[in-house]
Amino acid sequence: MQSPHHSAPSVEQAREDYEEHRRYCRQCALGPSPCAAAKHLRRVYNNAMRTTQPTAPRRPAAR
């Protein structure tokens, strides 16, 4: 586990962490829905993906 002083994990590291967890977690293996730890790791992966993608221009809100 990384200490709080490290920067955010790379996309590849986040993906590997998530996939490894899903392979070895008994709770994830037993049911179709992932456990809370897997959900957290998936959010970490999604956030890492968002930081690597260029931001799209925002559309004005519809009124």
N, C-alpha and C. Protein backbone atom coordinates (compact mmCIF):
# COMPACT_ATOMS: atom_id res chain seq x y z
N MET A 1 0.85 -1.18 0.00
CA MET A 1 0.00 0.00 0.00
C MET A 1 0.89 1.23 0.00
N GLN A 2 0.45 2.26 -0.71
CA GLN A 2 1.25 3.47 -0.82
C GLN A 2 1.02 4.38 0.37
N SER A 3 2.07 5.11 0.73
CA SER A 3 1.92 6.08 1.80
C SER A 3 1.24 7.33 1.24
N PRO A 4 0.68 8.17 2.10
CA PRO A 4 -0.03 9.37 1.62
C PRO A 4 0.89 10.38 0.94
N HIS A 5 2.20 10.21 1.07
CA HIS A 5 3.13 11.16 0.48
C HIS A 5 3.40 10.89 -0.99
N HIS A 6 2.96 9.73 -1.50
CA HIS A 6 3.17 9.40 -2.90
C HIS A 6 2.08 10.05 -3.75
N SER A 7 2.40 10.26 -5.03
CA SER A 7 1.41 10.80 -5.94
C SER A 7 0.40 9.71 -6.29
N ALA A 8 -0.63 10.08 -7.03
CA ALA A 8 -1.66 9.14 -7.42
C ALA A 8 -1.04 8.00 -8.25
N PRO A 9 -1.62 6.80 -8.16
CA PRO A 9 -1.06 5.68 -8.90
C PRO A 9 -1.25 5.87 -10.41
N SER A 10 -0.36 5.26 -11.18
CA SER A 10 -0.50 5.32 -12.62
C SER A 10 -1.72 4.51 -13.03
N VAL A 11 -2.19 4.75 -14.22
CA VAL A 11 -3.35 4.03 -14.74
C VAL A 11 -3.06 2.54 -14.76
N GLU A 12 -1.89 2.17 -15.24
CA GLU A 12 -1.53 0.76 -15.34
C GLU A 12 -1.47 0.12 -13.95
N GLN A 13 -0.88 0.79 -12.98
CA GLN A 13 -0.80 0.25 -11.62
C GLN A 13 -2.19 0.11 -11.01
N ALA A 14 -3.04 1.10 -11.21
CA ALA A 14 -4.40 1.04 -10.67
C ALA A 14 -5.18 -0.12 -11.28
N ARG A 15 -5.01 -0.32 -12.59
CA ARG A 15 -5.71 -1.43 -13.26
C ARG A 15 -5.20 -2.77 -12.72
N GLU A 16 -3.89 -2.90 -12.57
CA GLU A 16 -3.32 -4.15 -12.05
C GLU A 16 -3.80 -4.43 -10.63
N ASP A 17 -3.85 -3.40 -9.80
CA ASP A 17 -4.32 -3.57 -8.42
C ASP A 17 -5.77 -4.06 -8.40
N TYR A 18 -6.61 -3.47 -9.23
CA TYR A 18 -8.02 -3.86 -9.30
C TYR A 18 -8.17 -5.30 -9.78
N GLU A 19 -7.50 -5.63 -10.88
CA GLU A 19 -7.63 -6.98 -11.43
C GLU A 19 -7.07 -8.04 -10.49
N GLU A 20 -5.95 -7.73 -9.84
CA GLU A 20 -5.39 -8.69 -8.88
C GLU A 20 -6.34 -8.90 -7.72
N HIS A 21 -6.94 -7.85 -7.22
CA HIS A 21 -7.90 -7.98 -6.13
C HIS A 21 -9.06 -8.87 -6.55
N ARG A 22 -9.61 -8.63 -7.73
CA ARG A 22 -10.75 -9.42 -8.19
C ARG A 22 -10.39 -10.89 -8.35
N ARG A 23 -9.14 -11.18 -8.70
CA ARG A 23 -8.71 -12.58 -8.84
C ARG A 23 -8.61 -13.29 -7.51
N TYR A 24 -8.14 -12.60 -6.48
CA TYR A 24 -7.82 -13.27 -5.22
C TYR A 24 -8.78 -13.03 -4.07
N CYS A 25 -9.75 -12.15 -4.24
CA CYS A 25 -10.70 -11.87 -3.17
C CYS A 25 -11.78 -12.95 -3.13
N ARG A 26 -11.96 -13.56 -1.99
CA ARG A 26 -12.98 -14.61 -1.86
C ARG A 26 -14.39 -14.06 -2.05
N GLN A 27 -14.65 -12.87 -1.52
CA GLN A 27 -15.98 -12.30 -1.63
C GLN A 27 -16.32 -11.96 -3.09
N CYS A 28 -15.36 -11.41 -3.83
CA CYS A 28 -15.58 -11.09 -5.23
C CYS A 28 -15.79 -12.36 -6.06
N ALA A 29 -15.10 -13.45 -5.68
CA ALA A 29 -15.21 -14.70 -6.42
C ALA A 29 -16.55 -15.39 -6.17
N LEU A 30 -17.16 -15.16 -5.02
CA LEU A 30 -18.40 -15.85 -4.68
C LEU A 30 -19.64 -15.26 -5.34
N GLY A 31 -19.65 -13.98 -5.58
CA GLY A 31 -20.87 -13.36 -6.09
C GLY A 31 -20.63 -12.51 -7.32
N PRO A 32 -21.71 -12.11 -7.95
CA PRO A 32 -21.58 -11.30 -9.17
C PRO A 32 -21.20 -9.84 -8.89
N SER A 33 -21.49 -9.36 -7.69
CA SER A 33 -21.16 -7.96 -7.39
C SER A 33 -19.84 -7.88 -6.63
N PRO A 34 -19.04 -6.86 -6.95
CA PRO A 34 -17.73 -6.73 -6.28
C PRO A 34 -17.87 -6.27 -4.83
N CYS A 35 -16.87 -6.56 -4.03
CA CYS A 35 -16.86 -6.12 -2.63
C CYS A 35 -16.51 -4.63 -2.56
N ALA A 36 -16.58 -4.07 -1.38
CA ALA A 36 -16.31 -2.64 -1.19
C ALA A 36 -14.88 -2.28 -1.58
N ALA A 37 -13.93 -3.15 -1.28
CA ALA A 37 -12.54 -2.88 -1.64
C ALA A 37 -12.37 -2.84 -3.15
N ALA A 38 -13.04 -3.75 -3.86
CA ALA A 38 -12.96 -3.77 -5.32
C ALA A 38 -13.59 -2.50 -5.90
N LYS A 39 -14.69 -2.06 -5.31
CA LYS A 39 -15.33 -0.82 -5.78
C LYS A 39 -14.40 0.37 -5.59
N HIS A 40 -13.70 0.40 -4.46
CA HIS A 40 -12.75 1.48 -4.21
C HIS A 40 -11.61 1.45 -5.23
N LEU A 41 -11.06 0.26 -5.47
CA LEU A 41 -9.97 0.14 -6.42
C LEU A 41 -10.42 0.53 -7.83
N ARG A 42 -11.66 0.23 -8.16
CA ARG A 42 -12.19 0.62 -9.47
C ARG A 42 -12.30 2.14 -9.57
N ARG A 43 -12.72 2.80 -8.48
CA ARG A 43 -12.77 4.27 -8.47
C ARG A 43 -11.39 4.87 -8.63
N VAL A 44 -10.38 4.27 -7.97
CA VAL A 44 -9.01 4.75 -8.11
C VAL A 44 -8.58 4.64 -9.57
N TYR A 45 -8.90 3.53 -10.21
CA TYR A 45 -8.57 3.33 -11.62
C TYR A 45 -9.29 4.36 -12.49
N ASN A 46 -10.59 4.55 -12.26
CA ASN A 46 -11.35 5.53 -13.05
C ASN A 46 -10.79 6.94 -12.87
N ASN A 47 -10.42 7.30 -11.66
CA ASN A 47 -9.85 8.63 -11.41
C ASN A 47 -8.50 8.79 -12.11
N ALA A 48 -7.70 7.73 -12.11
CA ALA A 48 -6.41 7.79 -12.80
C ALA A 48 -6.63 7.95 -14.30
N MET A 49 -7.63 7.28 -14.84
CA MET A 49 -7.95 7.43 -16.27
C MET A 49 -8.38 8.86 -16.58
N ARG A 50 -9.19 9.44 -15.70
CA ARG A 50 -9.67 10.81 -15.94
C ARG A 50 -8.53 11.82 -15.94
N THR A 51 -7.51 11.60 -15.13
CA THR A 51 -6.41 12.56 -15.06
C THR A 51 -5.53 12.50 -16.30
N THR A 52 -5.57 11.37 -17.03
CA THR A 52 -4.74 11.25 -18.23
C THR A 52 -5.45 11.73 -19.49
N GLN A 53 -6.77 11.86 -19.43
CA GLN A 53 -7.53 12.27 -20.61
C GLN A 53 -7.61 13.79 -20.66
N PRO A 54 -7.51 14.35 -21.88
CA PRO A 54 -7.67 15.80 -22.00
C PRO A 54 -9.11 16.20 -21.65
N THR A 55 -9.25 17.36 -21.08
CA THR A 55 -10.58 17.80 -20.70
C THR A 55 -11.32 18.34 -21.92
N ALA A 56 -12.56 17.97 -22.02
CA ALA A 56 -13.41 18.44 -23.11
C ALA A 56 -14.02 19.77 -22.70
N PRO A 57 -14.26 20.65 -23.67
CA PRO A 57 -14.91 21.91 -23.32
C PRO A 57 -16.32 21.65 -22.77
N ARG A 58 -16.68 22.38 -21.76
CA ARG A 58 -18.00 22.19 -21.14
C ARG A 58 -19.07 22.90 -21.94
N ARG A 59 -20.20 22.25 -22.01
CA ARG A 59 -21.35 22.87 -22.68
C ARG A 59 -22.08 23.73 -21.66
N PRO A 60 -22.66 24.84 -22.09
CA PRO A 60 -23.42 25.64 -21.14
C PRO A 60 -24.65 24.87 -20.66
N ALA A 61 -25.04 25.13 -19.43
CA ALA A 61 -26.19 24.46 -18.85
C ALA A 61 -27.48 24.90 -19.56
N ALA A 62 -28.36 23.94 -19.81
CA ALA A 62 -29.65 24.25 -20.45
C ALA A 62 -30.57 24.89 -19.42
N ARG A 63 -31.28 25.89 -19.86
CA ARG A 63 -32.21 26.57 -18.94
C ARG A 63 -33.61 26.50 -19.46
